[in-house]
Amino acid sequence: MNLGRTEREKARLEGLASIQAVPSQVADEAGSAAELTKAQLAAAQINVAVAGQSTKVADRGVAVAAAQVEVAQRAVDAVKVQLEECTLKAPKSGVVTRRNYAPGELLLP
């Protein structure tokens, strides 16, 4: 229910109750409804504020995750470079007729 409408209804019924056109219980119920509407509005405002903070926290979490992905990608790139440096390639194509080194041997430049 709209807070402004609830307040107007409360004031109208209190006026009618003061001239005994309606029972005072009806005016009291309107007052309770107005208080309930105020409390609901306050709760909604708090929920909006909390949701805003949650969004900020989530945005920070996304930024942290993006940074972690970037770090991981750089680590993968570094390992690819290391792997490329460990691969022996013949300068020319051809047939191997003699093997001077065995697998696992340490070669120095």
PDB file of N, CA and C in Angstrom:
ATOM      1  N   MET A   1       0.852  -1.181   0.000  1.00  0.00           N
ATOM      2  CA  MET A   1       0.000   0.000   0.000  1.00  0.00           C
ATOM      3  C   MET A   1       0.895   1.242   0.000  1.00  0.00           C
ATOM      4  N   ASN A   2       0.444   2.306  -0.626  1.00  0.00           N
ATOM      5  CA  ASN A   2       1.179   3.557  -0.729  1.00  0.00           C
ATOM      6  C   ASN A   2       1.204   4.272   0.619  1.00  0.00           C
ATOM      7  N   LEU A   3       2.390   4.740   1.049  1.00  0.00           N
ATOM      8  CA  LEU A   3       2.516   5.390   2.358  1.00  0.00           C
ATOM      9  C   LEU A   3       1.695   6.668   2.432  1.00  0.00           C
ATOM     10  N   GLY A   4       1.734   7.482   1.382  1.00  0.00           N
ATOM     11  CA  GLY A   4       0.963   8.726   1.377  1.00  0.00           C
ATOM     12  C   GLY A   4      -0.520   8.463   1.500  1.00  0.00           C
ATOM     13  N   ARG A   5      -1.012   7.483   0.762  1.00  0.00           N
ATOM     14  CA  ARG A   5      -2.435   7.139   0.817  1.00  0.00           C
ATOM     15  C   ARG A   5      -2.790   6.613   2.205  1.00  0.00           C
ATOM     16  N   THR A   6      -1.925   5.818   2.790  1.00  0.00           N
ATOM     17  CA  THR A   6      -2.169   5.273   4.133  1.00  0.00           C
ATOM     18  C   THR A   6      -2.229   6.387   5.162  1.00  0.00           C
ATOM     19  N   GLU A   7      -1.312   7.350   5.058  1.00  0.00           N
ATOM     20  CA  GLU A   7      -1.313   8.495   5.993  1.00  0.00           C
ATOM     21  C   GLU A   7      -2.591   9.318   5.845  1.00  0.00           C
ATOM     22  N   ARG A   8      -3.015   9.547   4.592  1.00  0.00           N
ATOM     23  CA  ARG A   8      -4.252  10.326   4.369  1.00  0.00           C
ATOM     24  C   ARG A   8      -5.462   9.587   4.921  1.00  0.00           C
ATOM     25  N   GLU A   9      -5.510   8.280   4.710  1.00  0.00           N
ATOM     26  CA  GLU A   9      -6.622   7.472   5.222  1.00  0.00           C
ATOM     27  C   GLU A   9      -6.639   7.495   6.751  1.00  0.00           C
ATOM     28  N   LYS A  10      -5.461   7.424   7.351  1.00  0.00           N
ATOM     29  CA  LYS A  10      -5.358   7.483   8.817  1.00  0.00           C
ATOM     30  C   LYS A  10      -5.891   8.813   9.328  1.00  0.00           C
ATOM     31  N   ALA A  11      -5.455   9.906   8.715  1.00  0.00           N
ATOM     32  CA  ALA A  11      -5.915  11.239   9.146  1.00  0.00           C
ATOM     33  C   ALA A  11      -7.419  11.387   8.953  1.00  0.00           C
ATOM     34  N   ARG A  12      -7.929  10.881   7.834  1.00  0.00           N
ATOM     35  CA  ARG A  12      -9.377  10.988   7.564  1.00  0.00           C
ATOM     36  C   ARG A  12     -10.178  10.217   8.608  1.00  0.00           C
ATOM     37  N   LEU A  13      -9.734   8.982   8.900  1.00  0.00           N
ATOM     38  CA  LEU A  13     -10.466   8.162   9.860  1.00  0.00           C
ATOM     39  C   LEU A  13     -10.335   8.701  11.285  1.00  0.00           C
ATOM     40  N   GLU A  14      -9.181   9.293  11.627  1.00  0.00           N
ATOM     41  CA  GLU A  14      -9.047   9.901  12.952  1.00  0.00           C
ATOM     42  C   GLU A  14      -9.996  11.092  13.082  1.00  0.00           C
ATOM     43  N   GLY A  15     -10.132  11.848  11.988  1.00  0.00           N
ATOM     44  CA  GLY A  15     -11.090  12.971  11.998  1.00  0.00           C
ATOM     45  C   GLY A  15     -12.517  12.485  12.163  1.00  0.00           C
ATOM     46  N   LEU A  16     -12.871  11.435  11.463  1.00  0.00           N
ATOM     47  CA  LEU A  16     -14.222  10.873  11.583  1.00  0.00           C
ATOM     48  C   LEU A  16     -14.435  10.268  12.967  1.00  0.00           C
ATOM     49  N   ALA A  17     -13.381   9.659  13.532  1.00  0.00           N
ATOM     50  CA  ALA A  17     -13.510   9.072  14.867  1.00  0.00           C
ATOM     51  C   ALA A  17     -13.670  10.167  15.916  1.00  0.00           C
ATOM     52  N   SER A  18     -13.028  11.331  15.689  1.00  0.00           N
ATOM     53  CA  SER A  18     -13.134  12.419  16.671  1.00  0.00           C
ATOM     54  C   SER A  18     -14.552  12.979  16.731  1.00  0.00           C
ATOM     55  N   ILE A  19     -15.287  12.892  15.642  1.00  0.00           N
ATOM     56  CA  ILE A  19     -16.694  13.347  15.676  1.00  0.00           C
ATOM     57  C   ILE A  19     -17.640  12.152  15.804  1.00  0.00           C
ATOM     58  N   GLN A  20     -17.063  11.008  16.102  1.00  0.00           N
ATOM     59  CA  GLN A  20     -17.773   9.759  16.352  1.00  0.00           C
ATOM     60  C   GLN A  20     -18.596   9.295  15.147  1.00  0.00           C
ATOM     61  N   ALA A  21     -18.080   9.583  13.929  1.00  0.00           N
ATOM     62  CA  ALA A  21     -18.746   9.123  12.725  1.00  0.00           C
ATOM     63  C   ALA A  21     -18.362   7.674  12.425  1.00  0.00           C
ATOM     64  N   VAL A  22     -17.192   7.265  12.923  1.00  0.00           N
ATOM     65  CA  VAL A  22     -16.751   5.873  12.805  1.00  0.00           C
ATOM     66  C   VAL A  22     -16.224   5.451  14.162  1.00  0.00           C
ATOM     67  N   PRO A  23     -16.234   4.162  14.444  1.00  0.00           N
ATOM     68  CA  PRO A  23     -15.698   3.706  15.726  1.00  0.00           C
ATOM     69  C   PRO A  23     -14.190   4.018  15.817  1.00  0.00           C
ATOM     70  N   SER A  24     -13.711   4.280  17.019  1.00  0.00           N
ATOM     71  CA  SER A  24     -12.294   4.596  17.224  1.00  0.00           C
ATOM     72  C   SER A  24     -11.404   3.411  16.841  1.00  0.00           C
ATOM     73  N   GLN A  25     -11.958   2.212  16.904  1.00  0.00           N
ATOM     74  CA  GLN A  25     -11.195   1.022  16.521  1.00  0.00           C
ATOM     75  C   GLN A  25     -10.788   1.097  15.048  1.00  0.00           C
ATOM     76  N   VAL A  26     -11.651   1.639  14.185  1.00  0.00           N
ATOM     77  CA  VAL A  26     -11.337   1.766  12.761  1.00  0.00           C
ATOM     78  C   VAL A  26     -10.172   2.741  12.584  1.00  0.00           C
ATOM     79  N   ALA A  27     -10.171   3.837  13.336  1.00  0.00           N
ATOM     80  CA  ALA A  27      -9.078   4.806  13.269  1.00  0.00           C
ATOM     81  C   ALA A  27      -7.785   4.183  13.789  1.00  0.00           C
ATOM     82  N   ASP A  28      -7.899   3.380  14.856  1.00  0.00           N
ATOM     83  CA  ASP A  28      -6.716   2.710  15.398  1.00  0.00           C
ATOM     84  C   ASP A  28      -6.127   1.720  14.380  1.00  0.00           C
ATOM     85  N   GLU A  29      -6.986   0.999  13.686  1.00  0.00           N
ATOM     86  CA  GLU A  29      -6.525   0.056  12.660  1.00  0.00           C
ATOM     87  C   GLU A  29      -5.828   0.799  11.520  1.00  0.00           C
ATOM     88  N   ALA A  30      -6.348   1.967  11.157  1.00  0.00           N
ATOM     89  CA  ALA A  30      -5.714   2.773  10.106  1.00  0.00           C
ATOM     90  C   ALA A  30      -4.345   3.251  10.577  1.00  0.00           C
ATOM     91  N   GLY A  31      -4.243   3.612  11.864  1.00  0.00           N
ATOM     92  CA  GLY A  31      -2.950   4.022  12.414  1.00  0.00           C
ATOM     93  C   GLY A  31      -1.954   2.875  12.397  1.00  0.00           C
ATOM     94  N   SER A  32      -2.435   1.676  12.738  1.00  0.00           N
ATOM     95  CA  SER A  32      -1.562   0.501  12.706  1.00  0.00           C
ATOM     96  C   SER A  32      -1.112   0.199  11.275  1.00  0.00           C
ATOM     97  N   ALA A  33      -2.031   0.354  10.339  1.00  0.00           N
ATOM     98  CA  ALA A  33      -1.681   0.110   8.933  1.00  0.00           C
ATOM     99  C   ALA A  33      -0.637   1.117   8.465  1.00  0.00           C
ATOM    100  N   ALA A  34      -0.758   2.359   8.906  1.00  0.00           N
ATOM    101  CA  ALA A  34       0.215   3.388   8.530  1.00  0.00           C
ATOM    102  C   ALA A  34       1.585   3.063   9.119  1.00  0.00           C
ATOM    103  N   GLU A  35       1.619   2.626  10.355  1.00  0.00           N
ATOM    104  CA  GLU A  35       2.891   2.259  10.986  1.00  0.00           C
ATOM    105  C   GLU A  35       3.519   1.048  10.289  1.00  0.00           C
ATOM    106  N   LEU A  36       2.681   0.088   9.929  1.00  0.00           N
ATOM    107  CA  LEU A  36       3.177  -1.084   9.217  1.00  0.00           C
ATOM    108  C   LEU A  36       3.768  -0.678   7.868  1.00  0.00           C
ATOM    109  N   THR A  37       3.097   0.221   7.166  1.00  0.00           N
ATOM    110  CA  THR A  37       3.591   0.685   5.870  1.00  0.00           C
ATOM    111  C   THR A  37       4.919   1.415   6.032  1.00  0.00           C
ATOM    112  N   LYS A  38       5.047   2.219   7.078  1.00  0.00           N
ATOM    113  CA  LYS A  38       6.325   2.908   7.352  1.00  0.00           C
ATOM    114  C   LYS A  38       7.434   1.892   7.606  1.00  0.00           C
ATOM    115  N   ALA A  39       7.130   0.867   8.397  1.00  0.00           N
ATOM    116  CA  ALA A  39       8.128  -0.161   8.704  1.00  0.00           C
ATOM    117  C   ALA A  39       8.522  -0.926   7.433  1.00  0.00           C
ATOM    118  N   GLN A  40       7.552  -1.221   6.579  1.00  0.00           N
ATOM    119  CA  GLN A  40       7.845  -1.912   5.325  1.00  0.00           C
ATOM    120  C   GLN A  40       8.710  -1.044   4.426  1.00  0.00           C
ATOM    121  N   LEU A  41       8.433   0.257   4.402  1.00  0.00           N
ATOM    122  CA  LEU A  41       9.236   1.175   3.604  1.00  0.00           C
ATOM    123  C   LEU A  41      10.670   1.215   4.126  1.00  0.00           C
ATOM    124  N   ALA A  42      10.830   1.299   5.445  1.00  0.00           N
ATOM    125  CA  ALA A  42      12.175   1.319   6.034  1.00  0.00           C
ATOM    126  C   ALA A  42      12.924   0.023   5.715  1.00  0.00           C
ATOM    127  N   ALA A  43      12.236  -1.102   5.800  1.00  0.00           N
ATOM    128  CA  ALA A  43      12.865  -2.387   5.488  1.00  0.00           C
ATOM    129  C   ALA A  43      13.266  -2.447   4.018  1.00  0.00           C
ATOM    130  N   ALA A  44      12.422  -1.931   3.148  1.00  0.00           N
ATOM    131  CA  ALA A  44      12.740  -1.919   1.718  1.00  0.00           C
ATOM    132  C   ALA A  44      13.957  -1.041   1.446  1.00  0.00           C
ATOM    133  N   GLN A  45      14.045   0.099   2.132  1.00  0.00           N
ATOM    134  CA  GLN A  45      15.201   0.983   1.953  1.00  0.00           C
ATOM    135  C   GLN A  45      16.485   0.296   2.424  1.00  0.00           C
ATOM    136  N   ILE A  46      16.403  -0.422   3.517  1.00  0.00           N
ATOM    137  CA  ILE A  46      17.567  -1.166   4.013  1.00  0.00           C
ATOM    138  C   ILE A  46      17.955  -2.251   3.009  1.00  0.00           C
ATOM    139  N   ASN A  47      16.956  -2.944   2.467  1.00  0.00           N
ATOM    140  CA  ASN A  47      17.244  -3.988   1.475  1.00  0.00           C
ATOM    141  C   ASN A  47      17.926  -3.414   0.238  1.00  0.00           C
ATOM    142  N   VAL A  48      17.500  -2.229  -0.183  1.00  0.00           N
ATOM    143  CA  VAL A  48      18.121  -1.578  -1.338  1.00  0.00           C
ATOM    144  C   VAL A  48      19.578  -1.245  -1.016  1.00  0.00           C
ATOM    145  N   ALA A  49      19.827  -0.714   0.178  1.00  0.00           N
ATOM    146  CA  ALA A  49      21.199  -0.376   0.567  1.00  0.00           C
ATOM    147  C   ALA A  49      22.078  -1.625   0.628  1.00  0.00           C
ATOM    148  N   VAL A  50      21.544  -2.697   1.196  1.00  0.00           N
ATOM    149  CA  VAL A  50      22.304  -3.951   1.289  1.00  0.00           C
ATOM    150  C   VAL A  50      22.580  -4.504  -0.106  1.00  0.00           C
ATOM    151  N   ALA A  51      21.595  -4.436  -0.985  1.00  0.00           N
ATOM    152  CA  ALA A  51      21.786  -4.928  -2.348  1.00  0.00           C
ATOM    153  C   ALA A  51      22.864  -4.118  -3.057  1.00  0.00           C
ATOM    154  N   GLY A  52      22.886  -2.819  -2.827  1.00  0.00           N
ATOM    155  CA  GLY A  52      23.929  -1.979  -3.424  1.00  0.00           C
ATOM    156  C   GLY A  52      25.311  -2.375  -2.941  1.00  0.00           C
ATOM    157  N   GLN A  53      25.439  -2.646  -1.647  1.00  0.00           N
ATOM    158  CA  GLN A  53      26.724  -3.068  -1.100  1.00  0.00           C
ATOM    159  C   GLN A  53      27.110  -4.448  -1.641  1.00  0.00           C
ATOM    160  N   SER A  54      26.124  -5.331  -1.755  1.00  0.00           N
ATOM    161  CA  SER A  54      26.405  -6.671  -2.283  1.00  0.00           C
ATOM    162  C   SER A  54      26.904  -6.583  -3.720  1.00  0.00           C
ATOM    163  N   THR A  55      26.338  -5.667  -4.481  1.00  0.00           N
ATOM    164  CA  THR A  55      26.775  -5.486  -5.866  1.00  0.00           C
ATOM    165  C   THR A  55      28.217  -5.006  -5.909  1.00  0.00           C
ATOM    166  N   LYS A  56      28.571  -4.084  -5.013  1.00  0.00           N
ATOM    167  CA  LYS A  56      29.954  -3.591  -4.968  1.00  0.00           C
ATOM    168  C   LYS A  56      30.913  -4.720  -4.616  1.00  0.00           C
ATOM    169  N   VAL A  57      30.534  -5.542  -3.650  1.00  0.00           N
ATOM    170  CA  VAL A  57      31.384  -6.663  -3.248  1.00  0.00           C
ATOM    171  C   VAL A  57      31.524  -7.650  -4.408  1.00  0.00           C
ATOM    172  N   ALA A  58      30.427  -7.928  -5.095  1.00  0.00           N
ATOM    173  CA  ALA A  58      30.475  -8.847  -6.233  1.00  0.00           C
ATOM    174  C   ALA A  58      31.365  -8.285  -7.345  1.00  0.00           C
ATOM    175  N   ASP A  59      31.267  -6.968  -7.578  1.00  0.00           N
ATOM    176  CA  ASP A  59      32.114  -6.348  -8.603  1.00  0.00           C
ATOM    177  C   ASP A  59      33.589  -6.488  -8.246  1.00  0.00           C
ATOM    178  N   ARG A  60      33.907  -6.311  -6.974  1.00  0.00           N
ATOM    179  CA  ARG A  60      35.301  -6.479  -6.542  1.00  0.00           C
ATOM    180  C   ARG A  60      35.749  -7.926  -6.726  1.00  0.00           C
ATOM    181  N   GLY A  61      34.853  -8.868  -6.424  1.00  0.00           N
ATOM    182  CA  GLY A  61      35.168 -10.278  -6.611  1.00  0.00           C
ATOM    183  C   GLY A  61      35.440 -10.601  -8.074  1.00  0.00           C
ATOM    184  N   VAL A  62      34.659  -9.995  -8.956  1.00  0.00           N
ATOM    185  CA  VAL A  62      34.869 -10.207 -10.396  1.00  0.00           C
ATOM    186  C   VAL A  62      36.220  -9.636 -10.814  1.00  0.00           C
ATOM    187  N   ALA A  63      36.568  -8.461 -10.285  1.00  0.00           N
ATOM    188  CA  ALA A  63      37.857  -7.852 -10.621  1.00  0.00           C
ATOM    189  C   ALA A  63      39.016  -8.725 -10.136  1.00  0.00           C
ATOM    190  N   VAL A  64      38.883  -9.273  -8.940  1.00  0.00           N
ATOM    191  CA  VAL A  64      39.925 -10.152  -8.404  1.00  0.00           C
ATOM    192  C   VAL A  64      40.044 -11.409  -9.262  1.00  0.00           C
ATOM    193  N   ALA A  65      38.912 -11.988  -9.626  1.00  0.00           N
ATOM    194  CA  ALA A  65      38.931 -13.191 -10.461  1.00  0.00           C
ATOM    195  C   ALA A  65      39.563 -12.888 -11.821  1.00  0.00           C
ATOM    196  N   ALA A  66      39.263 -11.732 -12.397  1.00  0.00           N
ATOM    197  CA  ALA A  66      39.857 -11.363 -13.689  1.00  0.00           C
ATOM    198  C   ALA A  66      41.370 -11.221 -13.557  1.00  0.00           C
ATOM    199  N   ALA A  67      41.824 -10.641 -12.451  1.00  0.00           N
ATOM    200  CA  ALA A  67      43.270 -10.508 -12.227  1.00  0.00           C
ATOM    201  C   ALA A  67      43.916 -11.889 -12.072  1.00  0.00           C
ATOM    202  N   GLN A  68      43.241 -12.793 -11.383  1.00  0.00           N
ATOM    203  CA  GLN A  68      43.774 -14.142 -11.217  1.00  0.00           C
ATOM    204  C   GLN A  68      43.856 -14.871 -12.558  1.00  0.00           C
ATOM    205  N   VAL A  69      42.879 -14.659 -13.411  1.00  0.00           N
ATOM    206  CA  VAL A  69      42.909 -15.266 -14.747  1.00  0.00           C
ATOM    207  C   VAL A  69      44.087 -14.715 -15.534  1.00  0.00           C
ATOM    208  N   GLU A  70      44.317 -13.418 -15.434  1.00  0.00           N
ATOM    209  CA  GLU A  70      45.445 -12.794 -16.135  1.00  0.00           C
ATOM    210  C   GLU A  70      46.776 -13.372 -15.649  1.00  0.00           C
ATOM    211  N   VAL A  71      46.922 -13.535 -14.336  1.00  0.00           N
ATOM    212  CA  VAL A  71      48.147 -14.111 -13.780  1.00  0.00           C
ATOM    213  C   VAL A  71      48.321 -15.548 -14.275  1.00  0.00           C
ATOM    214  N   ALA A  72      47.252 -16.316 -14.274  1.00  0.00           N
ATOM    215  CA  ALA A  72      47.330 -17.707 -14.728  1.00  0.00           C
ATOM    216  C   ALA A  72      47.691 -17.773 -16.213  1.00  0.00           C
ATOM    217  N   GLN A  73      47.132 -16.866 -17.011  1.00  0.00           N
ATOM    218  CA  GLN A  73      47.439 -16.859 -18.436  1.00  0.00           C
ATOM    219  C   GLN A  73      48.911 -16.535 -18.670  1.00  0.00           C
ATOM    220  N   ARG A  74      49.451 -15.607 -17.898  1.00  0.00           N
ATOM    221  CA  ARG A  74      50.877 -15.287 -18.026  1.00  0.00           C
ATOM    222  C   ARG A  74      51.748 -16.478 -17.630  1.00  0.00           C
ATOM    223  N   ALA A  75      51.321 -17.209 -16.606  1.00  0.00           N
ATOM    224  CA  ALA A  75      52.070 -18.406 -16.203  1.00  0.00           C
ATOM    225  C   ALA A  75      52.034 -19.458 -17.313  1.00  0.00           C
ATOM    226  N   VAL A  76      50.899 -19.632 -17.944  1.00  0.00           N
ATOM    227  CA  VAL A  76      50.785 -20.577 -19.055  1.00  0.00           C
ATOM    228  C   VAL A  76      51.697 -20.142 -20.199  1.00  0.00           C
ATOM    229  N   ASP A  77      51.699 -18.847 -20.510  1.00  0.00           N
ATOM    230  CA  ASP A  77      52.566 -18.339 -21.578  1.00  0.00           C
ATOM    231  C   ASP A  77      54.039 -18.592 -21.261  1.00  0.00           C
ATOM    232  N   ALA A  78      54.427 -18.397 -19.987  1.00  0.00           N
ATOM    233  CA  ALA A  78      55.819 -18.625 -19.590  1.00  0.00           C
ATOM    234  C   ALA A  78      56.190 -20.102 -19.751  1.00  0.00           C
ATOM    235  N   VAL A  79      55.287 -20.989 -19.383  1.00  0.00           N
ATOM    236  CA  VAL A  79      55.558 -22.425 -19.517  1.00  0.00           C
ATOM    237  C   VAL A  79      55.641 -22.805 -20.992  1.00  0.00           C
ATOM    238  N   LYS A  80      54.821 -22.204 -21.840  1.00  0.00           N
ATOM    239  CA  LYS A  80      54.894 -22.486 -23.277  1.00  0.00           C
ATOM    240  C   LYS A  80      56.254 -22.075 -23.838  1.00  0.00           C
ATOM    241  N   VAL A  81      56.760 -20.911 -23.386  1.00  0.00           N
ATOM    242  CA  VAL A  81      58.081 -20.467 -23.840  1.00  0.00           C
ATOM    243  C   VAL A  81      59.154 -21.443 -23.372  1.00  0.00           C
ATOM    244  N   GLN A  82      59.076 -21.877 -22.108  1.00  0.00           N
ATOM    245  CA  GLN A  82      60.044 -22.834 -21.586  1.00  0.00           C
ATOM    246  C   GLN A  82      59.989 -24.144 -22.362  1.00  0.00           C
ATOM    247  N   LEU A  83      58.809 -24.608 -22.679  1.00  0.00           N
ATOM    248  CA  LEU A  83      58.657 -25.842 -23.440  1.00  0.00           C
ATOM    249  C   LEU A  83      59.243 -25.676 -24.836  1.00  0.00           C
ATOM    250  N   GLU A  84      59.011 -24.549 -25.441  1.00  0.00           N
ATOM    251  CA  GLU A  84      59.563 -24.282 -26.771  1.00  0.00           C
ATOM    252  C   GLU A  84      61.089 -24.296 -26.730  1.00  0.00           C
ATOM    253  N   GLU A  85      61.676 -23.766 -25.656  1.00  0.00           N
ATOM    254  CA  GLU A  85      63.129 -23.743 -25.515  1.00  0.00           C
ATOM    255  C   GLU A  85      63.706 -25.137 -25.263  1.00  0.00           C
ATOM    256  N   CYS A  86      62.890 -26.050 -24.777  1.00  0.00           N
ATOM    257  CA  CYS A  86      63.359 -27.406 -24.489  1.00  0.00           C
ATOM    258  C   CYS A  86      63.221 -28.349 -25.683  1.00  0.00           C
ATOM    259  N   THR A  87      62.595 -27.936 -26.723  1.00  0.00           N
ATOM    260  CA  THR A  87      62.379 -28.786 -27.888  1.00  0.00           C
ATOM    261  C   THR A  87      63.547 -28.638 -28.857  1.00  0.00           C
ATOM    262  N   LEU A  88      64.140 -29.765 -29.233  1.00  0.00           N
ATOM    263  CA  LEU A  88      65.226 -29.761 -30.214  1.00  0.00           C
ATOM    264  C   LEU A  88      64.634 -29.833 -31.604  1.00  0.00           C
ATOM    265  N   LYS A  89      65.131 -28.965 -32.474  1.00  0.00           N
ATOM    266  CA  LYS A  89      64.654 -28.954 -33.850  1.00  0.00           C
ATOM    267  C   LYS A  89      65.856 -28.989 -34.782  1.00  0.00           C
ATOM    268  N   ALA A  90      65.736 -29.782 -35.801  1.00  0.00           N
ATOM    269  CA  ALA A  90      66.813 -29.874 -36.795  1.00  0.00           C
ATOM    270  C   ALA A  90      66.753 -28.650 -37.699  1.00  0.00           C
ATOM    271  N   PRO A  91      67.922 -28.097 -38.038  1.00  0.00           N
ATOM    272  CA  PRO A  91      67.909 -26.923 -38.904  1.00  0.00           C
ATOM    273  C   PRO A  91      67.483 -27.253 -40.327  1.00  0.00           C
ATOM    274  N   LYS A  92      67.605 -28.527 -40.712  1.00  0.00           N
ATOM    275  CA  LYS A  92      67.240 -28.948 -42.071  1.00  0.00           C
ATOM    276  C   LYS A  92      66.452 -30.238 -41.978  1.00  0.00           C
ATOM    277  N   SER A  93      65.652 -30.478 -42.981  1.00  0.00           N
ATOM    278  CA  SER A  93      64.931 -31.744 -42.999  1.00  0.00           C
ATOM    279  C   SER A  93      65.853 -32.825 -43.555  1.00  0.00           C
ATOM    280  N   GLY A  94      65.604 -34.046 -43.146  1.00  0.00           N
ATOM    281  CA  GLY A  94      66.435 -35.142 -43.635  1.00  0.00           C
ATOM    282  C   GLY A  94      66.207 -36.405 -42.848  1.00  0.00           C
ATOM    283  N   VAL A  95      67.104 -37.363 -43.013  1.00  0.00           N
ATOM    284  CA  VAL A  95      67.014 -38.647 -42.340  1.00  0.00           C
ATOM    285  C   VAL A  95      68.126 -38.714 -41.310  1.00  0.00           C
ATOM    286  N   VAL A  96      67.798 -39.183 -40.090  1.00  0.00           N
ATOM    287  CA  VAL A  96      68.789 -39.325 -39.027  1.00  0.00           C
ATOM    288  C   VAL A  96      69.602 -40.581 -39.308  1.00  0.00           C
ATOM    289  N   THR A  97      70.910 -40.413 -39.444  1.00  0.00           N
ATOM    290  CA  THR A  97      71.792 -41.564 -39.683  1.00  0.00           C
ATOM    291  C   THR A  97      72.617 -41.889 -38.459  1.00  0.00           C
ATOM    292  N   ARG A  98      72.768 -40.906 -37.568  1.00  0.00           N
ATOM    293  CA  ARG A  98      73.571 -41.144 -36.380  1.00  0.00           C
ATOM    294  C   ARG A  98      72.979 -40.320 -35.231  1.00  0.00           C
ATOM    295  N   ARG A  99      72.928 -40.912 -34.040  1.00  0.00           N
ATOM    296  CA  ARG A  99      72.413 -40.229 -32.865  1.00  0.00           C
ATOM    297  C   ARG A  99      73.572 -40.042 -31.903  1.00  0.00           C
ATOM    298  N   ASN A 100      73.937 -38.762 -31.622  1.00  0.00           N
ATOM    299  CA  ASN A 100      75.068 -38.464 -30.749  1.00  0.00           C
ATOM    300  C   ASN A 100      74.668 -38.359 -29.281  1.00  0.00           C
ATOM    301  N   TYR A 101      73.407 -38.168 -29.024  1.00  0.00           N
ATOM    302  CA  TYR A 101      72.951 -37.984 -27.649  1.00  0.00           C
ATOM    303  C   TYR A 101      71.768 -38.894 -27.379  1.00  0.00           C
ATOM    304  N   ALA A 102      71.676 -39.346 -26.122  1.00  0.00           N
ATOM    305  CA  ALA A 102      70.575 -40.219 -25.710  1.00  0.00           C
ATOM    306  C   ALA A 102      69.500 -39.374 -25.019  1.00  0.00           C
ATOM    307  N   PRO A 103      68.262 -39.805 -25.064  1.00  0.00           N
ATOM    308  CA  PRO A 103      67.203 -39.076 -24.360  1.00  0.00           C
ATOM    309  C   PRO A 103      67.534 -38.942 -22.876  1.00  0.00           C
ATOM    310  N   GLY A 104      67.317 -37.759 -22.336  1.00  0.00           N
ATOM    311  CA  GLY A 104      67.576 -37.494 -20.926  1.00  0.00           C
ATOM    312  C   GLY A 104      68.913 -36.895 -20.643  1.00  0.00           C
ATOM    313  N   GLU A 105      69.813 -36.860 -21.623  1.00  0.00           N
ATOM    314  CA  GLU A 105      71.140 -36.264 -21.426  1.00  0.00           C
ATOM    315  C   GLU A 105      70.995 -34.741 -21.347  1.00  0.00           C
ATOM    316  N   LEU A 106      71.861 -34.129 -20.548  1.00  0.00           N
ATOM    317  CA  LEU A 106      71.880 -32.669 -20.409  1.00  0.00           C
ATOM    318  C   LEU A 106      72.778 -32.089 -21.489  1.00  0.00           C
ATOM    319  N   LEU A 107      72.243 -31.189 -22.277  1.00  0.00           N
ATOM    320  CA  LEU A 107      72.994 -30.554 -23.345  1.00  0.00           C
ATOM    321  C   LEU A 107      73.221 -29.106 -22.999  1.00  0.00           C
ATOM    322  N   LEU A 108      74.387 -28.641 -23.237  1.00  0.00           N
ATOM    323  CA  LEU A 108      74.711 -27.229 -22.999  1.00  0.00           C
ATOM    324  C   LEU A 108      74.906 -26.537 -24.340  1.00  0.00           C
ATOM    325  N   PRO A 109      74.591 -25.270 -24.412  1.00  0.00           N
ATOM    326  CA  PRO A 109      74.754 -24.567 -25.691  1.00  0.00           C
ATOM    327  C   PRO A 109      76.208 -24.396 -26.081  1.00  0.00           C
TER     328      PRO A 109
END
